[in-house]
Amino acid sequence: MPVTIPAGLLAQRGLGDDWGRWLDRLPRLAAELLDEWGLRQTGESLHGYCSLVLPVVDPDGVAGALKISFDGDDESLHEGLALQHWGG
């Protein structure tokens, strides 16, 4: 299943050149992360204000989500560490 970027997230291109560059490389980045972690996308791409979210399964068939946030989002800077700490 090819990674598609939802229209609502593509609309963020109007927020500046940094957003445009991130959106341009996002499909390739998502495909690379899926491959690197052995994930398979299982549904349509979703999005938040500054992130792409892909429903996935891991190599063992466990369902999850791959979230890729905009590089310039300071609010999400430590989100991965927080989720790791909380076990979710």
N, C-alpha and C. Protein backbone atom coordinates (compact mmCIF):
# COMPACT_ATOMS: atom_id res chain seq x y z
N MET A 1 0.86 -1.18 0.00
CA MET A 1 0.00 0.00 0.00
C MET A 1 0.91 1.24 0.00
N PRO A 2 0.79 2.07 -1.00
CA PRO A 2 1.63 3.28 -1.03
C PRO A 2 1.19 4.27 0.04
N VAL A 3 2.17 4.95 0.61
CA VAL A 3 1.88 5.96 1.63
C VAL A 3 1.31 7.19 0.94
N THR A 4 0.14 7.60 1.35
CA THR A 4 -0.45 8.83 0.83
C THR A 4 -0.54 9.85 1.97
N ILE A 5 -0.42 11.09 1.59
CA ILE A 5 -0.51 12.17 2.57
C ILE A 5 -1.92 12.76 2.49
N PRO A 6 -2.68 12.74 3.59
CA PRO A 6 -4.04 13.26 3.57
C PRO A 6 -4.07 14.75 3.19
N ALA A 7 -5.13 15.13 2.51
CA ALA A 7 -5.29 16.52 2.06
C ALA A 7 -5.19 17.51 3.21
N GLY A 8 -5.75 17.16 4.36
CA GLY A 8 -5.70 18.06 5.50
C GLY A 8 -4.29 18.35 5.97
N LEU A 9 -3.41 17.37 5.87
CA LEU A 9 -2.03 17.59 6.25
C LEU A 9 -1.29 18.35 5.15
N LEU A 10 -1.60 18.05 3.90
CA LEU A 10 -0.98 18.78 2.79
C LEU A 10 -1.31 20.27 2.84
N ALA A 11 -2.45 20.61 3.43
CA ALA A 11 -2.85 22.01 3.54
C ALA A 11 -1.87 22.80 4.42
N GLN A 12 -1.10 22.11 5.25
CA GLN A 12 -0.13 22.79 6.11
C GLN A 12 1.03 23.39 5.31
N ARG A 13 1.12 23.05 4.04
CA ARG A 13 2.16 23.62 3.17
C ARG A 13 2.11 25.15 3.21
N GLY A 14 0.92 25.69 3.41
CA GLY A 14 0.76 27.14 3.47
C GLY A 14 1.40 27.78 4.69
N LEU A 15 1.89 26.99 5.63
CA LEU A 15 2.50 27.53 6.84
C LEU A 15 3.97 27.90 6.66
N GLY A 16 4.52 27.61 5.47
CA GLY A 16 5.90 28.03 5.23
C GLY A 16 6.74 27.01 4.52
N ASP A 17 7.94 27.43 4.14
CA ASP A 17 8.85 26.58 3.38
C ASP A 17 9.28 25.35 4.15
N ASP A 18 9.47 25.46 5.47
CA ASP A 18 9.86 24.29 6.26
C ASP A 18 8.80 23.20 6.16
N TRP A 19 7.56 23.60 6.21
CA TRP A 19 6.47 22.64 6.07
C TRP A 19 6.49 22.01 4.68
N GLY A 20 6.70 22.82 3.67
CA GLY A 20 6.73 22.30 2.30
C GLY A 20 7.83 21.27 2.11
N ARG A 21 9.01 21.55 2.63
CA ARG A 21 10.12 20.59 2.51
C ARG A 21 9.81 19.30 3.26
N TRP A 22 9.23 19.41 4.45
CA TRP A 22 8.87 18.22 5.22
C TRP A 22 7.81 17.40 4.48
N LEU A 23 6.80 18.06 3.97
CA LEU A 23 5.75 17.34 3.24
C LEU A 23 6.29 16.68 1.98
N ASP A 24 7.25 17.34 1.32
CA ASP A 24 7.84 16.75 0.11
C ASP A 24 8.59 15.47 0.41
N ARG A 25 9.27 15.41 1.55
CA ARG A 25 10.05 14.21 1.86
C ARG A 25 9.28 13.18 2.69
N LEU A 26 8.08 13.53 3.15
CA LEU A 26 7.31 12.67 4.04
C LEU A 26 6.97 11.30 3.45
N PRO A 27 6.51 11.18 2.21
CA PRO A 27 6.22 9.84 1.69
C PRO A 27 7.45 8.92 1.70
N ARG A 28 8.60 9.46 1.31
CA ARG A 28 9.82 8.65 1.30
C ARG A 28 10.24 8.29 2.73
N LEU A 29 10.16 9.25 3.64
CA LEU A 29 10.51 9.01 5.04
C LEU A 29 9.61 7.92 5.63
N ALA A 30 8.33 8.02 5.39
CA ALA A 30 7.39 7.02 5.91
C ALA A 30 7.71 5.64 5.36
N ALA A 31 7.97 5.54 4.07
CA ALA A 31 8.30 4.24 3.46
C ALA A 31 9.58 3.68 4.05
N GLU A 32 10.58 4.53 4.28
CA GLU A 32 11.84 4.08 4.86
C GLU A 32 11.64 3.57 6.29
N LEU A 33 10.84 4.27 7.08
CA LEU A 33 10.59 3.84 8.46
C LEU A 33 9.80 2.53 8.50
N LEU A 34 8.81 2.40 7.63
CA LEU A 34 8.06 1.14 7.56
C LEU A 34 9.00 -0.02 7.26
N ASP A 35 9.88 0.19 6.29
CA ASP A 35 10.82 -0.86 5.91
C ASP A 35 11.82 -1.15 7.03
N GLU A 36 12.39 -0.10 7.60
CA GLU A 36 13.41 -0.26 8.64
C GLU A 36 12.88 -1.04 9.85
N TRP A 37 11.63 -0.79 10.21
CA TRP A 37 11.08 -1.41 11.41
C TRP A 37 10.23 -2.65 11.08
N GLY A 38 10.18 -3.03 9.80
CA GLY A 38 9.42 -4.22 9.41
C GLY A 38 7.93 -4.08 9.62
N LEU A 39 7.41 -2.87 9.47
CA LEU A 39 5.99 -2.61 9.65
C LEU A 39 5.25 -2.69 8.32
N ARG A 40 3.98 -3.06 8.41
CA ARG A 40 3.14 -3.07 7.21
C ARG A 40 1.92 -2.19 7.49
N GLN A 41 1.70 -1.23 6.59
CA GLN A 41 0.55 -0.34 6.74
C GLN A 41 -0.72 -1.13 6.49
N THR A 42 -1.72 -0.94 7.35
CA THR A 42 -2.95 -1.72 7.27
C THR A 42 -4.20 -0.92 6.94
N GLY A 43 -4.06 0.39 6.86
CA GLY A 43 -5.23 1.22 6.59
C GLY A 43 -4.83 2.55 6.01
N GLU A 44 -5.81 3.38 5.80
CA GLU A 44 -5.58 4.69 5.21
C GLU A 44 -4.79 5.59 6.15
N SER A 45 -4.00 6.46 5.55
CA SER A 45 -3.22 7.44 6.31
C SER A 45 -4.15 8.40 7.04
N LEU A 46 -3.77 8.71 8.27
CA LEU A 46 -4.49 9.68 9.09
C LEU A 46 -3.53 10.82 9.41
N HIS A 47 -4.02 11.84 10.06
CA HIS A 47 -3.12 12.95 10.41
C HIS A 47 -3.65 13.73 11.59
N GLY A 48 -2.72 14.42 12.23
CA GLY A 48 -3.03 15.41 13.24
C GLY A 48 -2.65 16.76 12.67
N TYR A 49 -2.51 17.75 13.53
CA TYR A 49 -2.15 19.08 13.06
C TYR A 49 -0.76 19.08 12.42
N CYS A 50 0.16 18.32 13.01
CA CYS A 50 1.54 18.35 12.51
C CYS A 50 2.16 16.96 12.43
N SER A 51 1.34 15.96 12.12
CA SER A 51 1.90 14.61 12.03
C SER A 51 1.08 13.73 11.08
N LEU A 52 1.79 12.77 10.53
CA LEU A 52 1.19 11.71 9.73
C LEU A 52 1.09 10.49 10.62
N VAL A 53 -0.04 9.80 10.60
CA VAL A 53 -0.25 8.61 11.41
C VAL A 53 -0.69 7.48 10.49
N LEU A 54 0.07 6.38 10.55
CA LEU A 54 -0.23 5.22 9.72
C LEU A 54 -0.60 4.04 10.60
N PRO A 55 -1.79 3.44 10.41
CA PRO A 55 -2.10 2.20 11.12
C PRO A 55 -1.21 1.09 10.55
N VAL A 56 -0.60 0.31 11.44
CA VAL A 56 0.38 -0.69 11.01
C VAL A 56 0.23 -1.97 11.82
N VAL A 57 0.90 -3.02 11.34
CA VAL A 57 1.16 -4.23 12.12
C VAL A 57 2.65 -4.49 12.06
N ASP A 58 3.18 -5.04 13.15
CA ASP A 58 4.61 -5.35 13.18
C ASP A 58 4.83 -6.75 12.61
N PRO A 59 6.07 -7.21 12.54
CA PRO A 59 6.34 -8.53 11.94
C PRO A 59 5.61 -9.69 12.65
N ASP A 60 5.23 -9.49 13.92
CA ASP A 60 4.50 -10.52 14.66
C ASP A 60 2.99 -10.39 14.53
N GLY A 61 2.54 -9.40 13.75
CA GLY A 61 1.11 -9.19 13.55
C GLY A 61 0.45 -8.33 14.60
N VAL A 62 1.25 -7.70 15.45
CA VAL A 62 0.70 -6.83 16.50
C VAL A 62 0.36 -5.46 15.90
N ALA A 63 -0.87 -5.04 16.12
CA ALA A 63 -1.34 -3.76 15.58
C ALA A 63 -0.73 -2.59 16.34
N GLY A 64 -0.52 -1.50 15.63
CA GLY A 64 0.00 -0.29 16.22
C GLY A 64 -0.18 0.88 15.29
N ALA A 65 0.56 1.93 15.54
CA ALA A 65 0.50 3.12 14.70
C ALA A 65 1.91 3.69 14.59
N LEU A 66 2.23 4.15 13.40
CA LEU A 66 3.48 4.86 13.17
C LEU A 66 3.12 6.34 13.03
N LYS A 67 3.66 7.15 13.93
CA LYS A 67 3.39 8.59 13.91
C LYS A 67 4.68 9.30 13.55
N ILE A 68 4.61 10.13 12.52
CA ILE A 68 5.77 10.90 12.07
C ILE A 68 5.40 12.38 12.19
N SER A 69 6.09 13.05 13.11
CA SER A 69 5.77 14.46 13.39
C SER A 69 6.65 15.41 12.61
N PHE A 70 6.13 16.58 12.36
CA PHE A 70 6.86 17.66 11.70
C PHE A 70 8.10 17.99 12.52
N ASP A 71 9.23 18.10 11.84
CA ASP A 71 10.53 18.35 12.48
C ASP A 71 10.54 19.61 13.35
N GLY A 72 9.79 20.61 12.95
CA GLY A 72 9.85 21.90 13.63
C GLY A 72 8.83 22.07 14.74
N ASP A 73 8.18 20.99 15.17
CA ASP A 73 7.15 21.08 16.20
C ASP A 73 7.79 20.91 17.58
N ASP A 74 8.05 22.03 18.26
CA ASP A 74 8.69 21.98 19.58
C ASP A 74 7.83 21.28 20.63
N GLU A 75 6.50 21.35 20.48
CA GLU A 75 5.62 20.74 21.47
C GLU A 75 5.76 19.21 21.49
N SER A 76 6.13 18.61 20.36
CA SER A 76 6.24 17.16 20.27
C SER A 76 7.68 16.67 20.43
N LEU A 77 8.58 17.58 20.75
CA LEU A 77 10.00 17.26 20.80
C LEU A 77 10.30 16.05 21.68
N HIS A 78 9.65 15.94 22.82
CA HIS A 78 9.94 14.85 23.76
C HIS A 78 8.78 13.85 23.86
N GLU A 79 7.88 13.87 22.91
CA GLU A 79 6.72 12.99 22.95
C GLU A 79 7.14 11.52 22.98
N GLY A 80 8.12 11.15 22.17
CA GLY A 80 8.58 9.76 22.14
C GLY A 80 9.11 9.30 23.48
N LEU A 81 9.86 10.15 24.16
CA LEU A 81 10.38 9.80 25.48
C LEU A 81 9.25 9.65 26.49
N ALA A 82 8.27 10.53 26.41
CA ALA A 82 7.13 10.44 27.33
C ALA A 82 6.36 9.14 27.11
N LEU A 83 6.09 8.79 25.86
CA LEU A 83 5.37 7.56 25.58
C LEU A 83 6.18 6.34 26.03
N GLN A 84 7.48 6.38 25.83
CA GLN A 84 8.33 5.28 26.29
C GLN A 84 8.24 5.14 27.81
N HIS A 85 8.30 6.25 28.51
CA HIS A 85 8.23 6.24 29.97
C HIS A 85 6.89 5.69 30.45
N TRP A 86 5.80 6.07 29.78
CA TRP A 86 4.46 5.65 30.19
C TRP A 86 4.10 4.26 29.64
N GLY A 87 4.98 3.70 28.79
CA GLY A 87 4.73 2.37 28.26
C GLY A 87 3.63 2.35 27.21
N GLY A 88 3.47 3.44 26.47
CA GLY A 88 2.42 3.48 25.47
C GLY A 88 2.78 4.22 24.30
